[in-house]
Amino acid sequence: MNPMEIHQILQHLPHRYPFLLVDRVLSCEPGKEITALKNVTINEPFFVGHFPHYKVMPGVLIVEAMAQAAAILSFKTVGAKADANSVYYFVGIDNARFKKPVTPGDQLVMTVRLERQVRGIWKYNAVAKVADVLVAEASLMCTMRDISAIVGE
């Protein structure tokens, strides 16, 4: 697949600023793998408080960025786009490890591989690198749900 720029990403993710954490998709093979990137800038709203003396991207946001890449992979796999009637969210995070801080000026490159999809649960292995150095990894489990079914629960 050709790379996806931000306007295409916005069609496949419901997230918007300041919570959109994928700037570009470098490659995507539906049903298998996606490689996406996040340009980490000093202008990120979380850097105001994390930390004022040494700016570090929070690990939970690195995991969220990997999950957003996984969401794009899932939407591309099923041939759907994000809409106001559905939601895509975490159901589990396992083996999350943070190896090196991510700071302003870094380019976070995330590779997410689909391991399996069973009964609406998608499981992925995700890694994030900066300059080819591993900075984070995790096993992610997510699901897509119809909002009307959730509200009725």
Protein backbone atom coordinates (compact mmCIF):
# COMPACT_ATOMS: atom_id res chain seq x y z
CA MET A 1 0.00 0.00 0.00
CA ASN A 2 1.12 3.54 -0.68
CA PRO A 3 1.92 5.72 2.33
CA MET A 4 -0.98 7.56 3.97
CA GLU A 5 -0.77 11.26 4.71
CA ILE A 6 -2.67 13.04 7.47
CA HIS A 7 -5.91 13.63 5.54
CA GLN A 8 -6.23 9.90 4.84
CA ILE A 9 -5.34 9.06 8.45
CA LEU A 10 -8.15 11.32 9.66
CA GLN A 11 -10.58 9.20 7.62
CA HIS A 12 -9.43 6.03 9.38
CA LEU A 13 -9.16 7.29 12.97
CA PRO A 14 -11.77 9.04 15.11
CA HIS A 15 -9.03 10.81 17.12
CA ARG A 16 -8.39 14.53 16.71
CA TYR A 17 -5.96 17.08 18.14
CA PRO A 18 -4.59 16.97 20.76
CA PHE A 19 -5.04 13.20 20.93
CA LEU A 20 -4.21 12.22 17.36
CA LEU A 21 -0.79 10.55 17.67
CA VAL A 22 -0.13 9.27 14.13
CA ASP A 23 1.24 11.75 11.58
CA ARG A 24 1.94 9.43 8.65
CA VAL A 25 1.62 5.81 7.62
CA LEU A 26 4.78 4.62 5.89
CA SER A 27 3.41 1.22 4.86
CA CYS A 28 0.39 -0.94 5.53
CA GLU A 29 -0.34 -4.52 4.54
CA PRO A 30 -3.96 -5.13 5.60
CA GLY A 31 -4.33 -8.21 7.76
CA LYS A 32 -0.62 -8.25 8.56
CA GLU A 33 1.39 -5.13 9.49
CA ILE A 34 1.55 -1.35 9.57
CA THR A 35 4.46 1.04 10.02
CA ALA A 36 3.51 4.55 11.10
CA LEU A 37 5.25 7.58 12.54
CA LYS A 38 4.69 10.32 15.06
CA ASN A 39 6.81 13.45 14.87
CA VAL A 40 7.41 14.43 18.49
CA THR A 41 7.61 18.22 18.81
CA ILE A 42 8.18 20.62 21.68
CA ASN A 43 4.67 21.97 21.00
CA GLU A 44 2.96 18.81 22.31
CA PRO A 45 0.54 19.85 25.08
CA PHE A 46 1.77 17.14 27.48
CA PHE A 47 5.32 18.56 27.56
CA VAL A 48 4.15 21.52 29.65
CA GLY A 49 3.93 19.27 32.69
CA HIS A 50 5.91 16.13 31.74
CA PHE A 51 8.46 17.20 32.81
CA PRO A 52 9.14 20.96 32.96
CA HIS A 53 12.88 20.41 33.55
CA TYR A 54 13.35 17.47 31.10
CA LYS A 55 10.70 16.93 28.44
CA VAL A 56 9.73 13.24 28.09
CA MET A 57 6.82 11.77 26.11
CA PRO A 58 4.68 9.78 28.58
CA GLY A 59 4.91 6.03 28.08
CA VAL A 60 1.13 5.70 28.08
CA LEU A 61 1.00 8.03 25.06
CA ILE A 62 3.60 5.95 23.24
CA VAL A 63 1.37 2.92 23.83
CA GLU A 64 -1.64 4.95 22.66
CA ALA A 65 0.23 5.94 19.48
CA MET A 66 0.94 2.27 18.78
CA ALA A 67 -2.75 1.47 19.40
CA GLN A 68 -3.82 4.19 16.96
CA ALA A 69 -1.55 2.63 14.33
CA ALA A 70 -3.20 -0.72 15.15
CA ALA A 71 -6.62 0.87 14.68
CA ILE A 72 -5.68 2.06 11.20
CA LEU A 73 -4.46 -1.46 10.39
CA SER A 74 -7.77 -2.90 11.64
CA PHE A 75 -9.89 -0.45 9.67
CA LYS A 76 -7.84 -1.11 6.52
CA THR A 77 -8.12 -4.87 7.11
CA VAL A 78 -11.92 -4.83 7.27
CA GLY A 79 -12.23 -2.16 4.57
CA ALA A 80 -13.95 0.35 6.86
CA LYS A 81 -13.41 3.90 8.04
CA ALA A 82 -14.01 5.50 11.41
CA ASP A 83 -17.50 6.91 11.84
CA ALA A 84 -19.74 8.38 14.50
CA ASN A 85 -21.48 5.03 15.08
CA SER A 86 -18.50 2.99 16.25
CA VAL A 87 -15.63 3.17 18.70
CA TYR A 88 -12.28 1.40 18.78
CA TYR A 89 -10.69 0.87 22.20
CA PHE A 90 -8.27 -1.11 24.34
CA VAL A 91 -9.32 -4.32 26.04
CA GLY A 92 -5.83 -5.25 27.19
CA ILE A 93 -2.18 -4.25 27.29
CA ASP A 94 0.44 -6.86 28.16
CA ASN A 95 4.21 -6.86 28.43
CA ALA A 96 4.60 -3.10 28.00
CA ARG A 97 8.27 -2.16 28.27
CA PHE A 98 9.90 1.24 27.94
CA LYS A 99 13.56 1.12 26.99
CA LYS A 100 14.55 4.73 26.34
CA PRO A 101 12.93 8.17 26.80
CA VAL A 102 11.29 9.84 23.80
CA THR A 103 11.96 13.58 23.70
CA PRO A 104 11.12 16.58 21.49
CA GLY A 105 12.68 16.29 18.05
CA ASP A 106 12.41 12.50 17.98
CA GLN A 107 10.58 10.69 15.21
CA LEU A 108 8.72 7.75 16.72
CA VAL A 109 8.41 4.91 14.20
CA MET A 110 5.86 2.30 15.20
CA THR A 111 5.53 -1.16 13.68
CA VAL A 112 2.41 -3.09 14.62
CA ARG A 113 1.81 -6.70 13.55
CA LEU A 114 -1.61 -8.32 13.70
CA GLU A 115 -1.25 -11.62 15.57
CA ARG A 116 -4.88 -12.73 15.47
CA GLN A 117 -8.50 -11.67 15.43
CA VAL A 118 -11.04 -13.75 17.34
CA ARG A 119 -14.68 -12.81 18.17
CA GLY A 120 -14.10 -9.09 17.68
CA ILE A 121 -10.88 -8.97 19.70
CA TRP A 122 -7.76 -7.98 17.78
CA LYS A 123 -4.34 -8.87 19.20
CA TYR A 124 -1.14 -7.14 18.05
CA ASN A 125 2.57 -7.04 18.79
CA ALA A 126 3.82 -3.47 18.67
CA VAL A 127 7.25 -1.87 18.79
CA ALA A 128 8.29 1.77 18.71
CA LYS A 129 11.73 2.94 17.67
CA VAL A 130 13.61 6.22 17.41
CA ALA A 131 16.51 6.22 14.92
CA ASP A 132 16.26 2.40 14.73
CA VAL A 133 16.66 2.10 18.53
CA LEU A 134 13.88 0.28 20.40
CA VAL A 135 12.17 2.67 22.82
CA ALA A 136 8.97 0.75 23.67
CA GLU A 137 7.13 -2.50 23.01
CA ALA A 138 3.82 -4.05 24.03
CA SER A 139 1.20 -6.64 23.20
CA LEU A 140 -2.09 -4.86 22.55
CA MET A 141 -5.66 -6.11 22.48
CA CYS A 142 -8.37 -3.89 21.04
CA THR A 143 -11.94 -4.11 19.83
CA MET A 144 -14.30 -2.23 17.52
CA ARG A 145 -17.82 -1.79 18.85
CA ASP A 146 -21.03 -0.22 17.65
CA ILE A 147 -21.80 2.71 19.98
CA SER A 148 -25.51 1.91 20.12
CA ALA A 149 -24.68 -1.55 21.51
CA ILE A 150 -22.46 -0.02 24.20
CA VAL A 151 -24.99 2.61 25.25
CA GLY A 152 -27.65 -0.08 25.55
CA GLU A 153 -25.53 -2.24 27.90
